[in-house]
Every structure is written in structure tokens, then in C-alpha cells.
Amino acid sequence: MSVHKDLIKHAANQNKTYQVFQELDQQRERYIEQAVELCKQGLPFSTDKINQVTNRMNKINLRFVPTMKFVTGEMVQDYVQSLTKQQ
């Protein structure tokens, strides 16, 4: 019975950790969107907040979550350029 309880506790802890990962992922996406919008307007932007969140995400130790790439200013600019080419 204690093994069963340990498994339940482990699953609950993993779920809680995964929820934190999901929240960080949403926050990272918002920061990326902000950087993209600033870049579109020709305004200065930074990837610092994006990469701070990325670093926190990469420290989460779950086998089933991917390692996130750090974002550079050049990546944002390339993405914005690709959007304008599509139009």
C-alpha cells in the first residue's frame, strides 16, 4: 500500500512541476510576442526576459519536457522579416 501512496505522491509532484513548466512556457511566449511587436515597429527590444524564463524552464527536471532554446535578437529579427515576406 505504501508503494501505491508513493506513486500517487510522485505523480502529483510531477503534475505540479509540469503546471509550473506550462505557466513559464506561456510567460515565455508573451515575452516573445512583445519582442516581435517591438521589432515590427522598429523599436529597440531585448531577449533578456525571454531567456531568463527559458533558463528557469530548462532547470525543470522532467523527462517529458523539451529543452528550450535561448532566443537571440537576430532570431527575432529573422522571424519578423519572414512575416513581412509572407505578406
N, C-alpha and C. Protein backbone atom coordinates (compact mmCIF):
# COMPACT_ATOMS: atom_id res chain seq x y z
N MET A 1 0.81 -1.19 0.00
CA MET A 1 0.00 0.00 0.00
C MET A 1 0.86 1.27 0.00
N SER A 2 2.01 1.23 0.70
CA SER A 2 2.85 2.43 0.75
C SER A 2 3.46 2.74 -0.61
N VAL A 3 3.72 1.69 -1.42
CA VAL A 3 4.24 1.91 -2.77
C VAL A 3 3.20 2.66 -3.59
N HIS A 4 1.95 2.26 -3.43
CA HIS A 4 0.86 2.92 -4.14
C HIS A 4 0.79 4.40 -3.75
N LYS A 5 0.90 4.68 -2.45
CA LYS A 5 0.86 6.07 -1.98
C LYS A 5 2.07 6.85 -2.48
N ASP A 6 3.22 6.21 -2.52
CA ASP A 6 4.43 6.86 -3.03
C ASP A 6 4.27 7.20 -4.52
N LEU A 7 3.67 6.30 -5.27
CA LEU A 7 3.44 6.55 -6.69
C LEU A 7 2.46 7.70 -6.90
N ILE A 8 1.43 7.74 -6.10
CA ILE A 8 0.46 8.83 -6.19
C ILE A 8 1.13 10.16 -5.85
N LYS A 9 1.95 10.16 -4.80
CA LYS A 9 2.65 11.37 -4.40
C LYS A 9 3.61 11.82 -5.51
N HIS A 10 4.33 10.87 -6.08
CA HIS A 10 5.28 11.18 -7.15
C HIS A 10 4.54 11.77 -8.36
N ALA A 11 3.44 11.16 -8.73
CA ALA A 11 2.66 11.65 -9.87
C ALA A 11 2.12 13.06 -9.59
N ALA A 12 1.68 13.30 -8.39
CA ALA A 12 1.17 14.62 -8.02
C ALA A 12 2.28 15.66 -8.08
N ASN A 13 3.47 15.30 -7.62
CA ASN A 13 4.60 16.23 -7.68
C ASN A 13 4.99 16.52 -9.13
N GLN A 14 4.98 15.49 -9.97
CA GLN A 14 5.32 15.70 -11.37
C GLN A 14 4.27 16.58 -12.04
N ASN A 15 3.02 16.38 -11.71
CA ASN A 15 1.96 17.20 -12.27
C ASN A 15 2.13 18.66 -11.86
N LYS A 16 2.44 18.89 -10.60
CA LYS A 16 2.64 20.25 -10.11
C LYS A 16 3.84 20.90 -10.84
N THR A 17 4.90 20.15 -11.00
CA THR A 17 6.08 20.66 -11.71
C THR A 17 5.74 20.96 -13.16
N TYR A 18 4.97 20.09 -13.78
CA TYR A 18 4.57 20.31 -15.17
C TYR A 18 3.69 21.56 -15.30
N GLN A 19 2.84 21.80 -14.34
CA GLN A 19 2.00 23.01 -14.36
C GLN A 19 2.86 24.26 -14.30
N VAL A 20 3.92 24.22 -13.49
CA VAL A 20 4.86 25.34 -13.42
C VAL A 20 5.52 25.53 -14.78
N PHE A 21 5.93 24.44 -15.41
CA PHE A 21 6.54 24.50 -16.73
C PHE A 21 5.58 25.15 -17.73
N GLN A 22 4.32 24.75 -17.70
CA GLN A 22 3.31 25.30 -18.61
C GLN A 22 3.15 26.80 -18.40
N GLU A 23 3.12 27.23 -17.15
CA GLU A 23 2.97 28.65 -16.85
C GLU A 23 4.18 29.43 -17.37
N LEU A 24 5.37 28.88 -17.16
CA LEU A 24 6.58 29.52 -17.67
C LEU A 24 6.57 29.58 -19.20
N ASP A 25 6.07 28.53 -19.83
CA ASP A 25 6.00 28.49 -21.28
C ASP A 25 5.08 29.60 -21.81
N GLN A 26 3.97 29.80 -21.15
CA GLN A 26 3.04 30.86 -21.54
C GLN A 26 3.68 32.24 -21.34
N GLN A 27 4.39 32.40 -20.24
CA GLN A 27 5.07 33.66 -19.97
C GLN A 27 6.14 33.91 -21.03
N ARG A 28 6.88 32.87 -21.39
CA ARG A 28 7.93 32.98 -22.41
C ARG A 28 7.31 33.41 -23.75
N GLU A 29 6.19 32.82 -24.10
CA GLU A 29 5.52 33.17 -25.36
C GLU A 29 5.07 34.63 -25.36
N ARG A 30 4.59 35.11 -24.22
CA ARG A 30 4.18 36.53 -24.13
C ARG A 30 5.38 37.44 -24.33
N TYR A 31 6.51 37.09 -23.73
CA TYR A 31 7.72 37.90 -23.90
C TYR A 31 8.20 37.87 -25.35
N ILE A 32 8.09 36.72 -25.98
CA ILE A 32 8.48 36.63 -27.39
C ILE A 32 7.57 37.51 -28.23
N GLU A 33 6.26 37.45 -27.99
CA GLU A 33 5.31 38.28 -28.73
C GLU A 33 5.62 39.77 -28.54
N GLN A 34 5.97 40.16 -27.32
CA GLN A 34 6.31 41.56 -27.07
C GLN A 34 7.54 41.97 -27.86
N ALA A 35 8.56 41.12 -27.87
CA ALA A 35 9.78 41.42 -28.62
C ALA A 35 9.49 41.52 -30.12
N VAL A 36 8.66 40.62 -30.62
CA VAL A 36 8.30 40.64 -32.04
C VAL A 36 7.56 41.93 -32.38
N GLU A 37 6.63 42.32 -31.54
CA GLU A 37 5.87 43.55 -31.80
C GLU A 37 6.78 44.77 -31.81
N LEU A 38 7.69 44.84 -30.85
CA LEU A 38 8.63 45.97 -30.82
C LEU A 38 9.51 45.98 -32.06
N CYS A 39 9.97 44.80 -32.46
CA CYS A 39 10.82 44.69 -33.64
C CYS A 39 10.06 45.12 -34.89
N LYS A 40 8.80 44.72 -35.01
CA LYS A 40 7.98 45.12 -36.15
C LYS A 40 7.87 46.63 -36.27
N GLN A 41 7.83 47.30 -35.12
CA GLN A 41 7.69 48.75 -35.09
C GLN A 41 9.03 49.47 -35.22
N GLY A 42 10.11 48.69 -35.32
CA GLY A 42 11.44 49.28 -35.44
C GLY A 42 11.96 49.84 -34.13
N LEU A 43 11.38 49.41 -33.04
CA LEU A 43 11.78 49.89 -31.71
C LEU A 43 12.80 48.92 -31.10
N PRO A 44 13.60 49.41 -30.16
CA PRO A 44 14.56 48.52 -29.50
C PRO A 44 13.82 47.47 -28.66
N PHE A 45 14.39 46.28 -28.62
CA PHE A 45 13.81 45.19 -27.84
C PHE A 45 14.95 44.38 -27.23
N SER A 46 14.59 43.59 -26.26
CA SER A 46 15.57 42.74 -25.59
C SER A 46 15.03 41.32 -25.47
N THR A 47 15.92 40.37 -25.48
CA THR A 47 15.52 38.98 -25.27
C THR A 47 15.86 38.52 -23.85
N ASP A 48 16.27 39.44 -22.99
CA ASP A 48 16.70 39.07 -21.64
C ASP A 48 15.60 38.36 -20.85
N LYS A 49 14.38 38.92 -20.85
CA LYS A 49 13.29 38.29 -20.09
C LYS A 49 12.95 36.91 -20.66
N ILE A 50 12.97 36.83 -21.98
CA ILE A 50 12.69 35.54 -22.64
C ILE A 50 13.67 34.50 -22.14
N ASN A 51 14.94 34.86 -22.14
CA ASN A 51 15.98 33.89 -21.79
C ASN A 51 16.06 33.61 -20.30
N GLN A 52 15.62 34.56 -19.47
CA GLN A 52 15.54 34.27 -18.04
C GLN A 52 14.49 33.19 -17.79
N VAL A 53 13.35 33.32 -18.45
CA VAL A 53 12.30 32.32 -18.31
C VAL A 53 12.76 30.99 -18.91
N THR A 54 13.44 31.06 -20.06
CA THR A 54 13.96 29.85 -20.70
C THR A 54 14.90 29.12 -19.76
N ASN A 55 15.75 29.85 -19.09
CA ASN A 55 16.68 29.25 -18.15
C ASN A 55 15.94 28.53 -17.02
N ARG A 56 14.90 29.16 -16.51
CA ARG A 56 14.10 28.53 -15.44
C ARG A 56 13.42 27.26 -15.96
N MET A 57 12.93 27.32 -17.20
CA MET A 57 12.26 26.15 -17.79
C MET A 57 13.24 24.99 -17.94
N ASN A 58 14.45 25.31 -18.37
CA ASN A 58 15.44 24.27 -18.61
C ASN A 58 15.96 23.64 -17.32
N LYS A 59 15.73 24.29 -16.20
CA LYS A 59 16.14 23.72 -14.91
C LYS A 59 15.10 22.75 -14.35
N ILE A 60 13.93 22.74 -14.96
CA ILE A 60 12.89 21.81 -14.51
C ILE A 60 13.27 20.42 -14.96
N ASN A 61 13.27 19.51 -14.03
CA ASN A 61 13.77 18.16 -14.29
C ASN A 61 12.63 17.17 -14.49
N LEU A 62 12.08 17.20 -15.69
CA LEU A 62 11.07 16.23 -16.09
C LEU A 62 11.52 15.62 -17.42
N ARG A 63 11.44 14.33 -17.53
CA ARG A 63 11.91 13.66 -18.75
C ARG A 63 11.10 14.03 -19.98
N PHE A 64 9.84 14.32 -19.81
CA PHE A 64 8.96 14.50 -20.95
C PHE A 64 8.81 15.95 -21.40
N VAL A 65 9.61 16.88 -20.84
CA VAL A 65 9.55 18.25 -21.32
C VAL A 65 10.83 18.55 -22.10
N PRO A 66 10.69 19.27 -23.20
CA PRO A 66 11.86 19.53 -24.05
C PRO A 66 12.75 20.61 -23.45
N THR A 67 14.00 20.61 -23.86
CA THR A 67 14.90 21.70 -23.52
C THR A 67 14.57 22.84 -24.48
N MET A 68 14.40 24.00 -23.93
CA MET A 68 14.02 25.16 -24.73
C MET A 68 15.28 25.89 -25.20
N LYS A 69 15.22 26.42 -26.41
CA LYS A 69 16.34 27.17 -26.97
C LYS A 69 16.32 28.60 -26.46
N PHE A 70 17.52 29.13 -26.27
CA PHE A 70 17.62 30.54 -25.93
C PHE A 70 17.39 31.35 -27.20
N VAL A 71 16.81 32.53 -27.03
CA VAL A 71 16.42 33.37 -28.16
C VAL A 71 17.41 34.53 -28.28
N THR A 72 17.84 34.79 -29.50
CA THR A 72 18.72 35.92 -29.76
C THR A 72 17.93 37.03 -30.47
N GLY A 73 18.47 38.22 -30.43
CA GLY A 73 17.85 39.33 -31.15
C GLY A 73 17.77 39.05 -32.63
N GLU A 74 18.79 38.40 -33.15
CA GLU A 74 18.81 38.05 -34.57
C GLU A 74 17.67 37.08 -34.92
N MET A 75 17.37 36.17 -34.02
CA MET A 75 16.27 35.23 -34.27
C MET A 75 14.94 35.98 -34.38
N VAL A 76 14.75 36.96 -33.51
CA VAL A 76 13.51 37.76 -33.54
C VAL A 76 13.45 38.54 -34.85
N GLN A 77 14.55 39.17 -35.23
CA GLN A 77 14.59 39.94 -36.46
C GLN A 77 14.33 39.05 -37.68
N ASP A 78 14.94 37.87 -37.71
CA ASP A 78 14.71 36.94 -38.81
C ASP A 78 13.25 36.53 -38.90
N TYR A 79 12.64 36.30 -37.75
CA TYR A 79 11.23 35.92 -37.73
C TYR A 79 10.36 37.05 -38.27
N VAL A 80 10.62 38.27 -37.84
CA VAL A 80 9.84 39.42 -38.30
C VAL A 80 10.02 39.59 -39.80
N GLN A 81 11.24 39.42 -40.30
CA GLN A 81 11.47 39.51 -41.74
C GLN A 81 10.71 38.44 -42.49
N SER A 82 10.64 37.24 -41.94
CA SER A 82 9.91 36.17 -42.62
C SER A 82 8.41 36.47 -42.67
N LEU A 83 7.90 37.18 -41.66
CA LEU A 83 6.49 37.57 -41.67
C LEU A 83 6.21 38.58 -42.77
N THR A 84 7.12 39.52 -42.96
CA THR A 84 6.90 40.53 -44.00
C THR A 84 7.03 39.94 -45.40
N LYS A 85 7.83 38.91 -45.57
CA LYS A 85 7.97 38.25 -46.85
C LYS A 85 6.70 37.48 -47.21
N GLN A 86 6.00 36.98 -46.22
CA GLN A 86 4.79 36.20 -46.44
C GLN A 86 3.62 37.07 -46.89
N GLN A 87 3.69 38.36 -46.60
CA GLN A 87 2.56 39.23 -46.90
C GLN A 87 2.56 39.68 -48.31
